[in-house]
Amino acid sequence: MSKKLPYLPFLFFVIASLYFSFGFSLVYGEELEARGKKSQAEDSLEAAYISLLEAERAGGDISGLVSLLNTALDYYSQADIALRSGKDEEALKLAEKAIEVTNEILEADVSIIVVSEHIEEVRFRNQLIISLGSVFFIIIFGFLGWSRFKDYYLQNMIGLRPEVVSDES
């Protein structure tokens, strides 16, 4: 019996550590999960904000998405308040809602950026065509105007100096 006693403290240590680790994970598991979701929501909010800035620079209308971003920020702040007050489950749900809203923003931003880039491309083509057409018409009407002016000038010169006009023809 004295041979089994040295293993008793080791056995007690193993059982106690397992109990405390499982007890810790049961008690603090929801809090850790809520903190992780809150951190994920924060990253998602940052990505949505940057995406909105890019969409605005591209010329897209982001007014509706800004209100969605404000909603996501409200969910995030409510999740932070709930986490601080110990309402881990509520904080987890609010953080998930914030992530869902920011995902909607990110999906809409991609389409806004694509559409605004397409609009810019079409606008550039239209400006190029209009510019080239204007240059073409200026050149054509310039030659026509010069031809008429030259004819008018030569006809007036016929009456004044016939020897010059007859030498050219």
N, C-alpha and C. Protein backbone atom coordinates (compact mmCIF):
# COMPACT_ATOMS: atom_id res chain seq x y z
N MET A 1 0.81 -1.18 0.00
CA MET A 1 0.00 0.00 0.00
C MET A 1 0.85 1.25 0.00
N SER A 2 2.02 1.17 0.52
CA SER A 2 2.91 2.32 0.54
C SER A 2 3.46 2.61 -0.85
N LYS A 3 3.45 1.63 -1.73
CA LYS A 3 3.93 1.84 -3.09
C LYS A 3 2.92 2.65 -3.91
N LYS A 4 1.66 2.61 -3.60
CA LYS A 4 0.63 3.31 -4.36
C LYS A 4 0.45 4.75 -3.88
N LEU A 5 0.92 5.08 -2.73
CA LEU A 5 0.76 6.44 -2.20
C LEU A 5 1.50 7.50 -3.01
N PRO A 6 2.69 7.27 -3.53
CA PRO A 6 3.35 8.32 -4.31
C PRO A 6 2.56 8.71 -5.57
N TYR A 7 1.76 7.81 -6.10
CA TYR A 7 0.99 8.12 -7.29
C TYR A 7 -0.29 8.89 -6.97
N LEU A 8 -0.68 8.88 -5.73
CA LEU A 8 -1.92 9.53 -5.33
C LEU A 8 -1.87 11.05 -5.54
N PRO A 9 -0.81 11.76 -5.16
CA PRO A 9 -0.79 13.20 -5.44
C PRO A 9 -0.78 13.50 -6.95
N PHE A 10 -0.10 12.65 -7.71
CA PHE A 10 -0.08 12.84 -9.16
C PHE A 10 -1.48 12.66 -9.74
N LEU A 11 -2.17 11.64 -9.30
CA LEU A 11 -3.54 11.37 -9.73
C LEU A 11 -4.46 12.51 -9.33
N PHE A 12 -4.29 13.00 -8.12
CA PHE A 12 -5.09 14.13 -7.65
C PHE A 12 -4.82 15.37 -8.52
N PHE A 13 -3.57 15.61 -8.86
CA PHE A 13 -3.20 16.76 -9.69
C PHE A 13 -3.84 16.66 -11.08
N VAL A 14 -3.82 15.48 -11.68
CA VAL A 14 -4.40 15.28 -13.01
C VAL A 14 -5.90 15.50 -12.97
N ILE A 15 -6.56 14.93 -11.97
CA ILE A 15 -8.01 15.08 -11.87
C ILE A 15 -8.38 16.54 -11.61
N ALA A 16 -7.65 17.20 -10.75
CA ALA A 16 -7.94 18.60 -10.44
C ALA A 16 -7.70 19.49 -11.66
N SER A 17 -6.65 19.25 -12.40
CA SER A 17 -6.37 20.08 -13.57
C SER A 17 -7.43 19.87 -14.65
N LEU A 18 -7.88 18.63 -14.84
CA LEU A 18 -8.95 18.37 -15.81
C LEU A 18 -10.25 19.04 -15.38
N TYR A 19 -10.55 18.97 -14.10
CA TYR A 19 -11.78 19.58 -13.59
C TYR A 19 -11.73 21.09 -13.79
N PHE A 20 -10.62 21.70 -13.44
CA PHE A 20 -10.53 23.16 -13.55
C PHE A 20 -10.47 23.62 -15.00
N SER A 21 -9.84 22.82 -15.85
CA SER A 21 -9.78 23.24 -17.25
C SER A 21 -11.14 23.12 -17.91
N PHE A 22 -11.87 22.03 -17.64
CA PHE A 22 -13.22 21.92 -18.19
C PHE A 22 -14.15 22.91 -17.55
N GLY A 23 -14.01 23.12 -16.27
CA GLY A 23 -14.84 24.12 -15.59
C GLY A 23 -14.55 25.51 -16.12
N PHE A 24 -13.31 25.82 -16.36
CA PHE A 24 -12.93 27.12 -16.92
C PHE A 24 -13.50 27.30 -18.31
N SER A 25 -13.41 26.25 -19.12
CA SER A 25 -13.92 26.36 -20.49
C SER A 25 -15.44 26.45 -20.50
N LEU A 26 -16.11 25.82 -19.56
CA LEU A 26 -17.56 25.92 -19.50
C LEU A 26 -17.99 27.31 -19.02
N VAL A 27 -17.27 27.83 -18.05
CA VAL A 27 -17.65 29.13 -17.50
C VAL A 27 -17.21 30.26 -18.43
N TYR A 28 -15.99 30.19 -18.90
CA TYR A 28 -15.46 31.28 -19.71
C TYR A 28 -15.49 31.01 -21.20
N GLY A 29 -16.03 29.88 -21.61
CA GLY A 29 -16.07 29.53 -23.03
C GLY A 29 -16.94 30.49 -23.83
N GLU A 30 -18.12 30.82 -23.31
CA GLU A 30 -18.99 31.75 -24.02
C GLU A 30 -18.37 33.13 -24.08
N GLU A 31 -17.69 33.52 -23.00
CA GLU A 31 -17.06 34.84 -23.00
C GLU A 31 -15.92 34.89 -24.03
N LEU A 32 -15.14 33.82 -24.09
CA LEU A 32 -14.06 33.78 -25.07
C LEU A 32 -14.60 33.77 -26.49
N GLU A 33 -15.67 33.02 -26.69
CA GLU A 33 -16.28 32.98 -28.01
C GLU A 33 -16.87 34.34 -28.39
N ALA A 34 -17.51 35.00 -27.41
CA ALA A 34 -18.08 36.32 -27.66
C ALA A 34 -16.98 37.34 -27.95
N ARG A 35 -15.86 37.25 -27.23
CA ARG A 35 -14.74 38.17 -27.49
C ARG A 35 -14.15 37.92 -28.88
N GLY A 36 -14.08 36.65 -29.27
CA GLY A 36 -13.58 36.32 -30.60
C GLY A 36 -14.49 36.86 -31.69
N LYS A 37 -15.81 36.71 -31.51
CA LYS A 37 -16.76 37.23 -32.48
C LYS A 37 -16.71 38.75 -32.53
N LYS A 38 -16.53 39.37 -31.37
CA LYS A 38 -16.43 40.83 -31.30
C LYS A 38 -15.20 41.30 -32.07
N SER A 39 -14.10 40.60 -31.90
CA SER A 39 -12.88 40.94 -32.63
C SER A 39 -13.07 40.73 -34.13
N GLN A 40 -13.75 39.66 -34.49
CA GLN A 40 -14.04 39.38 -35.90
C GLN A 40 -14.96 40.47 -36.47
N ALA A 41 -15.94 40.92 -35.68
CA ALA A 41 -16.83 41.98 -36.12
C ALA A 41 -16.06 43.29 -36.32
N GLU A 42 -15.10 43.54 -35.45
CA GLU A 42 -14.28 44.75 -35.58
C GLU A 42 -13.47 44.72 -36.88
N ASP A 43 -12.88 43.57 -37.19
CA ASP A 43 -12.13 43.43 -38.44
C ASP A 43 -13.04 43.58 -39.65
N SER A 44 -14.23 43.02 -39.54
CA SER A 44 -15.19 43.10 -40.63
C SER A 44 -15.67 44.55 -40.84
N LEU A 45 -15.85 45.28 -39.74
CA LEU A 45 -16.24 46.69 -39.84
C LEU A 45 -15.14 47.51 -40.51
N GLU A 46 -13.91 47.22 -40.17
CA GLU A 46 -12.80 47.93 -40.78
C GLU A 46 -12.74 47.65 -42.29
N ALA A 47 -12.92 46.40 -42.66
CA ALA A 47 -12.91 46.04 -44.08
C ALA A 47 -14.06 46.70 -44.83
N ALA A 48 -15.23 46.76 -44.20
CA ALA A 48 -16.39 47.40 -44.84
C ALA A 48 -16.15 48.89 -45.02
N TYR A 49 -15.54 49.53 -44.03
CA TYR A 49 -15.26 50.96 -44.13
C TYR A 49 -14.27 51.24 -45.26
N ILE A 50 -13.23 50.46 -45.35
CA ILE A 50 -12.24 50.64 -46.41
C ILE A 50 -12.88 50.40 -47.78
N SER A 51 -13.74 49.40 -47.84
CA SER A 51 -14.43 49.10 -49.09
C SER A 51 -15.37 50.24 -49.50
N LEU A 52 -16.03 50.86 -48.51
CA LEU A 52 -16.89 52.00 -48.81
C LEU A 52 -16.07 53.18 -49.32
N LEU A 53 -14.90 53.39 -48.76
CA LEU A 53 -14.04 54.47 -49.25
C LEU A 53 -13.63 54.23 -50.69
N GLU A 54 -13.29 52.98 -51.02
CA GLU A 54 -12.91 52.65 -52.39
C GLU A 54 -14.08 52.83 -53.35
N ALA A 55 -15.28 52.45 -52.91
CA ALA A 55 -16.46 52.61 -53.76
C ALA A 55 -16.77 54.09 -53.97
N GLU A 56 -16.55 54.90 -52.95
CA GLU A 56 -16.79 56.33 -53.10
C GLU A 56 -15.76 56.95 -54.04
N ARG A 57 -14.51 56.53 -53.94
CA ARG A 57 -13.47 57.03 -54.85
C ARG A 57 -13.76 56.63 -56.29
N ALA A 58 -14.38 55.47 -56.46
CA ALA A 58 -14.71 55.00 -57.81
C ALA A 58 -15.91 55.74 -58.39
N GLY A 59 -16.61 56.51 -57.56
CA GLY A 59 -17.73 57.30 -58.05
C GLY A 59 -19.08 56.67 -57.80
N GLY A 60 -19.14 55.66 -56.96
CA GLY A 60 -20.41 55.00 -56.68
C GLY A 60 -21.23 55.74 -55.63
N ASP A 61 -22.53 55.50 -55.64
CA ASP A 61 -23.43 56.08 -54.65
C ASP A 61 -23.48 55.14 -53.46
N ILE A 62 -22.95 55.58 -52.33
CA ILE A 62 -22.83 54.71 -51.15
C ILE A 62 -23.71 55.16 -50.00
N SER A 63 -24.67 56.04 -50.26
CA SER A 63 -25.47 56.59 -49.16
C SER A 63 -26.26 55.50 -48.43
N GLY A 64 -26.80 54.54 -49.16
CA GLY A 64 -27.54 53.46 -48.50
C GLY A 64 -26.63 52.54 -47.70
N LEU A 65 -25.41 52.36 -48.21
CA LEU A 65 -24.46 51.49 -47.52
C LEU A 65 -23.89 52.14 -46.27
N VAL A 66 -23.85 53.46 -46.26
CA VAL A 66 -23.38 54.16 -45.05
C VAL A 66 -24.36 53.93 -43.91
N SER A 67 -25.65 53.94 -44.22
CA SER A 67 -26.64 53.66 -43.17
C SER A 67 -26.52 52.22 -42.67
N LEU A 68 -26.20 51.28 -43.58
CA LEU A 68 -25.96 49.90 -43.15
C LEU A 68 -24.72 49.81 -42.26
N LEU A 69 -23.69 50.58 -42.60
CA LEU A 69 -22.48 50.60 -41.77
C LEU A 69 -22.79 51.16 -40.39
N ASN A 70 -23.63 52.18 -40.34
CA ASN A 70 -24.03 52.72 -39.03
C ASN A 70 -24.80 51.69 -38.22
N THR A 71 -25.64 50.91 -38.88
CA THR A 71 -26.37 49.84 -38.20
C THR A 71 -25.39 48.80 -37.64
N ALA A 72 -24.42 48.43 -38.44
CA ALA A 72 -23.42 47.46 -37.99
C ALA A 72 -22.62 48.02 -36.81
N LEU A 73 -22.31 49.29 -36.86
CA LEU A 73 -21.60 49.92 -35.73
C LEU A 73 -22.45 49.92 -34.47
N ASP A 74 -23.75 50.13 -34.63
CA ASP A 74 -24.65 50.05 -33.47
C ASP A 74 -24.65 48.65 -32.87
N TYR A 75 -24.74 47.64 -33.73
CA TYR A 75 -24.69 46.26 -33.23
C TYR A 75 -23.36 45.99 -32.52
N TYR A 76 -22.29 46.49 -33.07
CA TYR A 76 -20.97 46.28 -32.47
C TYR A 76 -20.89 46.95 -31.10
N SER A 77 -21.37 48.18 -31.00
CA SER A 77 -21.30 48.87 -29.71
C SER A 77 -22.22 48.21 -28.68
N GLN A 78 -23.38 47.72 -29.12
CA GLN A 78 -24.26 47.00 -28.20
C GLN A 78 -23.61 45.69 -27.75
N ALA A 79 -22.90 45.03 -28.65
CA ALA A 79 -22.20 43.79 -28.28
C ALA A 79 -21.10 44.09 -27.28
N ASP A 80 -20.42 45.20 -27.45
CA ASP A 80 -19.37 45.58 -26.51
C ASP A 80 -19.95 45.87 -25.13
N ILE A 81 -21.07 46.57 -25.10
CA ILE A 81 -21.73 46.87 -23.82
C ILE A 81 -22.22 45.58 -23.16
N ALA A 82 -22.81 44.68 -23.96
CA ALA A 82 -23.30 43.42 -23.40
C ALA A 82 -22.15 42.56 -22.89
N LEU A 83 -21.03 42.57 -23.57
CA LEU A 83 -19.87 41.79 -23.14
C LEU A 83 -19.30 42.34 -21.84
N ARG A 84 -19.28 43.64 -21.72
CA ARG A 84 -18.78 44.25 -20.48
C ARG A 84 -19.70 44.03 -19.30
N SER A 85 -20.99 43.90 -19.57
CA SER A 85 -21.94 43.68 -18.47
C SER A 85 -22.13 42.20 -18.15
N GLY A 86 -21.42 41.33 -18.88
CA GLY A 86 -21.46 39.91 -18.56
C GLY A 86 -22.52 39.12 -19.31
N LYS A 87 -23.18 39.73 -20.26
CA LYS A 87 -24.20 39.04 -21.07
C LYS A 87 -23.53 38.48 -22.32
N ASP A 88 -22.84 37.36 -22.12
CA ASP A 88 -22.01 36.80 -23.19
C ASP A 88 -22.82 36.31 -24.38
N GLU A 89 -23.93 35.66 -24.11
CA GLU A 89 -24.74 35.12 -25.20
C GLU A 89 -25.33 36.23 -26.06
N GLU A 90 -25.81 37.30 -25.41
CA GLU A 90 -26.35 38.44 -26.14
C GLU A 90 -25.24 39.15 -26.94
N ALA A 91 -24.07 39.26 -26.35
CA ALA A 91 -22.93 39.87 -27.05
C ALA A 91 -22.55 39.06 -28.27
N LEU A 92 -22.59 37.75 -28.15
CA LEU A 92 -22.28 36.87 -29.27
C LEU A 92 -23.27 37.08 -30.41
N LYS A 93 -24.56 37.14 -30.10
CA LYS A 93 -25.59 37.34 -31.13
C LYS A 93 -25.45 38.70 -31.80
N LEU A 94 -25.17 39.74 -31.02
CA LEU A 94 -25.03 41.08 -31.59
C LEU A 94 -23.78 41.19 -32.47
N ALA A 95 -22.72 40.54 -32.05
CA ALA A 95 -21.50 40.54 -32.88
C ALA A 95 -21.75 39.80 -34.19
N GLU A 96 -22.50 38.71 -34.14
CA GLU A 96 -22.83 37.98 -35.37
C GLU A 96 -23.70 38.83 -36.30
N LYS A 97 -24.65 39.60 -35.72
CA LYS A 97 -25.46 40.49 -36.54
C LYS A 97 -24.60 41.56 -37.22
N ALA A 98 -23.64 42.09 -36.47
CA ALA A 98 -22.74 43.11 -37.04
C ALA A 98 -21.94 42.51 -38.20
N ILE A 99 -21.50 41.27 -38.04
CA ILE A 99 -20.74 40.61 -39.11
C ILE A 99 -21.63 40.39 -40.33
N GLU A 100 -22.88 39.98 -40.12
CA GLU A 100 -23.80 39.77 -41.24
C GLU A 100 -24.03 41.06 -42.02
N VAL A 101 -24.23 42.16 -41.29
CA VAL A 101 -24.49 43.44 -41.96
C VAL A 101 -23.25 43.90 -42.73
N THR A 102 -22.08 43.72 -42.15
CA THR A 102 -20.87 44.13 -42.87
C THR A 102 -20.62 43.24 -44.09
N ASN A 103 -21.02 41.98 -44.02
CA ASN A 103 -20.89 41.12 -45.20
C ASN A 103 -21.80 41.60 -46.32
N GLU A 104 -23.01 42.08 -45.96
CA GLU A 104 -23.91 42.66 -46.97
C GLU A 104 -23.26 43.89 -47.61
N ILE A 105 -22.61 44.70 -46.78
CA ILE A 105 -21.94 45.90 -47.30
C ILE A 105 -20.83 45.50 -48.26
N LEU A 106 -20.04 44.52 -47.89
CA LEU A 106 -18.93 44.10 -48.73
C LEU A 106 -19.41 43.55 -50.07
N GLU A 107 -20.50 42.79 -50.05
CA GLU A 107 -21.06 42.25 -51.29
C GLU A 107 -21.58 43.37 -52.19
N ALA A 108 -22.27 44.35 -51.58
CA ALA A 108 -22.81 45.46 -52.36
C ALA A 108 -21.69 46.36 -52.89
N ASP A 109 -20.63 46.51 -52.11
CA ASP A 109 -19.50 47.35 -52.54
C ASP A 109 -18.84 46.80 -53.78
N VAL A 110 -18.71 45.51 -53.86
CA VAL A 110 -18.07 44.91 -55.03
C VAL A 110 -18.88 45.25 -56.28
N SER A 111 -20.20 45.13 -56.21
CA SER A 111 -21.02 45.43 -57.39
C SER A 111 -20.98 46.92 -57.71
N ILE A 112 -20.94 47.78 -56.69
CA ILE A 112 -20.88 49.23 -56.93
C ILE A 112 -19.57 49.58 -57.62
N ILE A 113 -18.48 49.00 -57.17
CA ILE A 113 -17.18 49.30 -57.76
C ILE A 113 -17.14 48.83 -59.22
N VAL A 114 -17.68 47.65 -59.48
CA VAL A 114 -17.69 47.14 -60.86
C VAL A 114 -18.54 48.02 -61.76
N VAL A 115 -19.71 48.43 -61.29
CA VAL A 115 -20.60 49.27 -62.09
C VAL A 115 -19.96 50.64 -62.33
N SER A 116 -19.38 51.23 -61.30
CA SER A 116 -18.78 52.56 -61.48
C SER A 116 -17.56 52.50 -62.40
N GLU A 117 -16.79 51.42 -62.33
CA GLU A 117 -15.67 51.28 -63.27
C GLU A 117 -16.18 51.13 -64.70
N HIS A 118 -17.27 50.41 -64.89
CA HIS A 118 -17.86 50.27 -66.22
C HIS A 118 -18.37 51.62 -66.73
N ILE A 119 -19.00 52.39 -65.86
CA ILE A 119 -19.50 53.71 -66.24
C ILE A 119 -18.34 54.62 -66.64
N GLU A 120 -17.26 54.58 -65.89
CA GLU A 120 -16.09 55.39 -66.23
C GLU A 120 -15.49 54.97 -67.58
N GLU A 121 -15.49 53.68 -67.85
CA GLU A 121 -14.97 53.18 -69.12
C GLU A 121 -15.83 53.66 -70.29
N VAL A 122 -17.14 53.60 -70.13
CA VAL A 122 -18.06 54.06 -71.17
C VAL A 122 -17.92 55.57 -71.35
N ARG A 123 -17.80 56.30 -70.26
CA ARG A 123 -17.64 57.75 -70.32
C ARG A 123 -16.35 58.12 -71.07
N PHE A 124 -15.28 57.39 -70.80
CA PHE A 124 -14.01 57.66 -71.49
C PHE A 124 -14.16 57.40 -72.99
N ARG A 125 -14.80 56.29 -73.36
CA ARG A 125 -15.00 55.99 -74.78
C ARG A 125 -15.83 57.06 -75.46
N ASN A 126 -16.91 57.49 -74.79
CA ASN A 126 -17.77 58.53 -75.37
C ASN A 126 -17.00 59.83 -75.56
N GLN A 127 -16.20 60.22 -74.58
CA GLN A 127 -15.42 61.45 -74.71
C GLN A 127 -14.40 61.33 -75.84
N LEU A 128 -13.80 60.17 -75.99
CA LEU A 128 -12.84 59.95 -77.06
C LEU A 128 -13.51 60.06 -78.43
N ILE A 129 -14.67 59.46 -78.58
CA ILE A 129 -15.40 59.50 -79.85
C ILE A 129 -15.84 60.93 -80.17
N ILE A 130 -16.35 61.62 -79.17
CA ILE A 130 -16.79 63.00 -79.39
C ILE A 130 -15.60 63.89 -79.75
N SER A 131 -14.48 63.71 -79.07
CA SER A 131 -13.30 64.52 -79.37
C SER A 131 -12.79 64.26 -80.77
N LEU A 132 -12.68 62.99 -81.15
CA LEU A 132 -12.21 62.66 -82.50
C LEU A 132 -13.18 63.16 -83.57
N GLY A 133 -14.47 63.03 -83.30
CA GLY A 133 -15.48 63.54 -84.24
C GLY A 133 -15.40 65.05 -84.38
N SER A 134 -15.19 65.74 -83.28
CA SER A 134 -15.06 67.21 -83.33
C SER A 134 -13.84 67.62 -84.14
N VAL A 135 -12.73 66.96 -83.94
CA VAL A 135 -11.52 67.27 -84.70
C VAL A 135 -11.75 67.00 -86.19
N PHE A 136 -12.41 65.90 -86.50
CA PHE A 136 -12.70 65.56 -87.89
C PHE A 136 -13.56 66.65 -88.54
N PHE A 137 -14.64 67.08 -87.87
CA PHE A 137 -15.51 68.11 -88.44
C PHE A 137 -14.80 69.46 -88.54
N ILE A 138 -13.96 69.79 -87.61
CA ILE A 138 -13.20 71.05 -87.70
C ILE A 138 -12.28 71.03 -88.91
N ILE A 139 -11.61 69.92 -89.14
CA ILE A 139 -10.72 69.81 -90.29
C ILE A 139 -11.51 69.88 -91.59
N ILE A 140 -12.59 69.12 -91.72
CA ILE A 140 -13.41 69.11 -92.95
C ILE A 140 -13.99 70.48 -93.22
N PHE A 141 -14.63 71.10 -92.20
CA PHE A 141 -15.22 72.41 -92.42
C PHE A 141 -14.14 73.48 -92.61
N GLY A 142 -12.96 73.27 -92.07
CA GLY A 142 -11.85 74.19 -92.32
C GLY A 142 -11.44 74.16 -93.78
N PHE A 143 -11.31 72.94 -94.35
CA PHE A 143 -10.95 72.83 -95.76
C PHE A 143 -12.06 73.39 -96.66
N LEU A 144 -13.31 73.10 -96.32
CA LEU A 144 -14.42 73.63 -97.12
C LEU A 144 -14.45 75.16 -97.04
N GLY A 145 -14.25 75.68 -95.86
CA GLY A 145 -14.24 77.14 -95.70
C GLY A 145 -13.08 77.78 -96.46
N TRP A 146 -11.91 77.15 -96.40
CA TRP A 146 -10.77 77.69 -97.13
C TRP A 146 -11.00 77.63 -98.64
N SER A 147 -11.59 76.55 -99.10
CA SER A 147 -11.87 76.42 -100.53
C SER A 147 -12.84 77.51 -100.98
N ARG A 148 -13.88 77.77 -100.24
CA ARG A 148 -14.85 78.83 -100.59
C ARG A 148 -14.19 80.20 -100.53
N PHE A 149 -13.39 80.40 -99.50
CA PHE A 149 -12.71 81.69 -99.37
C PHE A 149 -11.75 81.92 -100.54
N LYS A 150 -11.03 80.87 -100.93
CA LYS A 150 -10.08 80.97 -102.04
C LYS A 150 -10.81 81.28 -103.35
N ASP A 151 -11.96 80.58 -103.58
CA ASP A 151 -12.76 80.84 -104.78
C ASP A 151 -13.27 82.27 -104.79
N TYR A 152 -13.78 82.73 -103.69
CA TYR A 152 -14.29 84.09 -103.58
C TYR A 152 -13.17 85.09 -103.82
N TYR A 153 -12.02 84.82 -103.24
CA TYR A 153 -10.88 85.72 -103.36
C TYR A 153 -10.40 85.78 -104.82
N LEU A 154 -10.34 84.63 -105.49
CA LEU A 154 -9.89 84.60 -106.87
C LEU A 154 -10.89 85.29 -107.80
N GLN A 155 -12.18 85.14 -107.53
CA GLN A 155 -13.18 85.81 -108.36
C GLN A 155 -13.08 87.32 -108.22
N ASN A 156 -12.82 87.78 -107.05
CA ASN A 156 -12.66 89.22 -106.87
C ASN A 156 -11.36 89.71 -107.50
N MET A 157 -10.36 88.86 -107.53
CA MET A 157 -9.09 89.23 -108.14
C MET A 157 -9.18 89.23 -109.67
N ILE A 158 -10.11 88.50 -110.26
CA ILE A 158 -10.27 88.46 -111.72
C ILE A 158 -10.60 89.86 -112.24
N GLY A 159 -11.50 90.51 -111.55
CA GLY A 159 -11.90 91.86 -111.97
C GLY A 159 -10.79 92.87 -111.75
N LEU A 160 -9.90 92.63 -110.84
CA LEU A 160 -8.87 93.62 -110.55
C LEU A 160 -7.61 93.41 -111.37
N ARG A 161 -7.16 92.15 -111.48
CA ARG A 161 -5.93 91.87 -112.21
C ARG A 161 -6.11 90.60 -113.05
N PRO A 162 -6.56 90.70 -114.23
CA PRO A 162 -6.81 89.53 -115.04
C PRO A 162 -5.53 88.80 -115.44
N GLU A 163 -4.41 89.45 -115.54
CA GLU A 163 -3.19 88.78 -115.97
C GLU A 163 -2.73 87.74 -114.94
N VAL A 164 -2.98 87.98 -113.66
CA VAL A 164 -2.56 87.03 -112.61
C VAL A 164 -3.42 85.78 -112.67
N VAL A 165 -4.72 85.99 -112.87
CA VAL A 165 -5.64 84.84 -112.88
C VAL A 165 -5.42 84.01 -114.13
N SER A 166 -5.14 84.63 -115.26
CA SER A 166 -4.94 83.87 -116.48
C SER A 166 -3.63 83.10 -116.46
N ASP A 167 -2.62 83.60 -115.77
CA ASP A 167 -1.37 82.86 -115.68
C ASP A 167 -1.51 81.60 -114.83
N GLU A 168 -2.32 81.65 -113.83
CA GLU A 168 -2.51 80.47 -112.95
C GLU A 168 -3.36 79.42 -113.63
N SER A 169 -4.31 79.78 -114.45
CA SER A 169 -5.19 78.79 -115.04
C SER A 169 -4.59 78.26 -116.28
